[in-house]
Amino acid sequence: MAATKPKPVDARSVEYKLMDGHYDRMLADFEAQIADAAATLRRAYEAMKAENTLQS
């Protein structure tokens, strides 16, 4: 199956989004998602570690 050609980039649209702060907001959202995922992984790791601890 052949690859499709990418659509041409509309420079004005990209420039508008850049000046409007659209990409800054997207970056902030991605950073928040990454921070949430990292916190979830840390909690899961701690829970697994606690579960594997021997208790008498």
N, C-alpha and C. Protein backbone atom coordinates (compact mmCIF):
# COMPACT_ATOMS: atom_id res chain seq x y z
N MET A 1 0.85 -1.17 0.00
CA MET A 1 0.00 0.00 0.00
C MET A 1 0.90 1.24 0.00
N ALA A 2 0.63 2.14 -0.89
CA ALA A 2 1.45 3.33 -1.04
C ALA A 2 1.11 4.36 0.04
N ALA A 3 2.12 5.11 0.42
CA ALA A 3 1.91 6.17 1.41
C ALA A 3 1.20 7.34 0.75
N THR A 4 0.35 8.00 1.51
CA THR A 4 -0.34 9.17 0.97
C THR A 4 0.55 10.39 1.10
N LYS A 5 0.34 11.32 0.23
CA LYS A 5 1.12 12.56 0.27
C LYS A 5 0.61 13.43 1.42
N PRO A 6 1.52 14.02 2.18
CA PRO A 6 1.06 14.91 3.26
C PRO A 6 0.43 16.18 2.70
N LYS A 7 -0.54 16.70 3.44
CA LYS A 7 -1.18 17.93 3.00
C LYS A 7 -0.19 19.08 3.13
N PRO A 8 -0.25 20.05 2.23
CA PRO A 8 0.64 21.20 2.38
C PRO A 8 0.30 21.99 3.64
N VAL A 9 1.32 22.54 4.26
CA VAL A 9 1.15 23.29 5.50
C VAL A 9 0.74 24.72 5.17
N ASP A 10 -0.31 25.17 5.84
CA ASP A 10 -0.78 26.54 5.67
C ASP A 10 0.03 27.41 6.63
N ALA A 11 1.00 28.13 6.12
CA ALA A 11 1.92 28.92 6.94
C ALA A 11 1.17 29.99 7.74
N ARG A 12 0.15 30.57 7.18
CA ARG A 12 -0.60 31.61 7.90
C ARG A 12 -1.30 31.04 9.11
N SER A 13 -1.86 29.85 8.95
CA SER A 13 -2.55 29.21 10.07
C SER A 13 -1.57 28.88 11.19
N VAL A 14 -0.41 28.35 10.82
CA VAL A 14 0.60 28.01 11.81
C VAL A 14 1.10 29.28 12.51
N GLU A 15 1.33 30.32 11.74
CA GLU A 15 1.80 31.58 12.32
C GLU A 15 0.75 32.16 13.27
N TYR A 16 -0.51 32.09 12.88
CA TYR A 16 -1.58 32.60 13.74
C TYR A 16 -1.63 31.83 15.05
N LYS A 17 -1.56 30.48 14.96
CA LYS A 17 -1.60 29.65 16.16
C LYS A 17 -0.39 29.92 17.04
N LEU A 18 0.75 30.16 16.44
CA LEU A 18 1.96 30.45 17.20
C LEU A 18 1.82 31.77 17.95
N MET A 19 1.33 32.78 17.27
CA MET A 19 1.18 34.09 17.90
C MET A 19 0.04 34.11 18.92
N ASP A 20 -0.96 33.28 18.70
CA ASP A 20 -2.13 33.21 19.58
C ASP A 20 -1.82 32.47 20.88
N GLY A 21 -0.74 31.70 20.92
CA GLY A 21 -0.39 30.93 22.10
C GLY A 21 -0.99 29.53 22.10
N HIS A 22 -1.53 29.11 20.97
CA HIS A 22 -2.14 27.79 20.85
C HIS A 22 -1.15 26.69 21.18
N TYR A 23 0.05 26.78 20.63
CA TYR A 23 1.05 25.74 20.85
C TYR A 23 1.56 25.75 22.29
N ASP A 24 1.61 26.91 22.92
CA ASP A 24 2.00 26.98 24.33
C ASP A 24 0.97 26.28 25.21
N ARG A 25 -0.31 26.46 24.88
CA ARG A 25 -1.37 25.78 25.64
C ARG A 25 -1.31 24.27 25.43
N MET A 26 -1.05 23.86 24.20
CA MET A 26 -0.92 22.42 23.92
C MET A 26 0.25 21.83 24.70
N LEU A 27 1.37 22.53 24.74
CA LEU A 27 2.54 22.06 25.48
C LEU A 27 2.22 21.95 26.97
N ALA A 28 1.54 22.93 27.51
CA ALA A 28 1.16 22.89 28.93
C ALA A 28 0.24 21.70 29.21
N ASP A 29 -0.69 21.42 28.30
CA ASP A 29 -1.58 20.27 28.47
C ASP A 29 -0.79 18.96 28.44
N PHE A 30 0.14 18.84 27.50
CA PHE A 30 0.96 17.63 27.40
C PHE A 30 1.83 17.46 28.65
N GLU A 31 2.39 18.55 29.14
CA GLU A 31 3.21 18.47 30.35
C GLU A 31 2.37 18.03 31.54
N ALA A 32 1.14 18.52 31.64
CA ALA A 32 0.25 18.11 32.72
C ALA A 32 -0.10 16.63 32.61
N GLN A 33 -0.35 16.16 31.40
CA GLN A 33 -0.65 14.74 31.19
C GLN A 33 0.54 13.87 31.57
N ILE A 34 1.73 14.31 31.21
CA ILE A 34 2.93 13.55 31.54
C ILE A 34 3.14 13.52 33.06
N ALA A 35 2.92 14.64 33.71
CA ALA A 35 3.06 14.69 35.17
C ALA A 35 2.05 13.78 35.84
N ASP A 36 0.81 13.77 35.37
CA ASP A 36 -0.22 12.88 35.93
C ASP A 36 0.16 11.41 35.73
N ALA A 37 0.63 11.08 34.53
CA ALA A 37 1.03 9.70 34.24
C ALA A 37 2.20 9.28 35.11
N ALA A 38 3.16 10.17 35.30
CA ALA A 38 4.32 9.85 36.14
C ALA A 38 3.88 9.63 37.59
N ALA A 39 2.96 10.45 38.08
CA ALA A 39 2.47 10.28 39.44
C ALA A 39 1.72 8.96 39.59
N THR A 40 0.95 8.59 38.60
CA THR A 40 0.23 7.32 38.63
C THR A 40 1.21 6.15 38.64
N LEU A 41 2.24 6.23 37.82
CA LEU A 41 3.24 5.17 37.80
C LEU A 41 3.98 5.07 39.13
N ARG A 42 4.29 6.21 39.74
CA ARG A 42 4.96 6.20 41.04
C ARG A 42 4.08 5.53 42.10
N ARG A 43 2.78 5.87 42.09
CA ARG A 43 1.86 5.25 43.06
C ARG A 43 1.74 3.75 42.83
N ALA A 44 1.67 3.34 41.57
CA ALA A 44 1.57 1.91 41.27
C ALA A 44 2.83 1.18 41.70
N TYR A 45 3.98 1.78 41.47
CA TYR A 45 5.24 1.18 41.87
C TYR A 45 5.32 1.03 43.38
N GLU A 46 4.93 2.06 44.10
CA GLU A 46 4.94 2.01 45.57
C GLU A 46 3.96 0.95 46.08
N ALA A 47 2.81 0.83 45.46
CA ALA A 47 1.83 -0.16 45.87
C ALA A 47 2.36 -1.58 45.62
N MET A 48 3.01 -1.78 44.47
CA MET A 48 3.58 -3.09 44.18
C MET A 48 4.71 -3.41 45.16
N LYS A 49 5.53 -2.41 45.49
CA LYS A 49 6.62 -2.62 46.42
C LYS A 49 6.07 -2.97 47.80
N ALA A 50 5.03 -2.29 48.24
CA ALA A 50 4.43 -2.56 49.53
C ALA A 50 3.79 -3.94 49.56
N GLU A 51 3.23 -4.36 48.45
CA GLU A 51 2.58 -5.66 48.38
C GLU A 51 3.60 -6.79 48.45
N ASN A 52 4.81 -6.57 47.95
CA ASN A 52 5.84 -7.59 47.95
C ASN A 52 6.66 -7.61 49.23
N THR A 53 6.35 -6.76 50.18
CA THR A 53 7.07 -6.73 51.45
C THR A 53 6.59 -7.86 52.35
N LEU A 54 7.55 -8.59 52.92
CA LEU A 54 7.18 -9.67 53.83
C LEU A 54 6.68 -9.11 55.15
N GLN A 55 5.59 -9.66 55.61
CA GLN A 55 5.02 -9.24 56.89
C GLN A 55 4.84 -10.47 57.76
N SER A 56 5.20 -10.36 59.02
CA SER A 56 5.07 -11.53 59.91
C SER A 56 3.83 -11.44 60.76
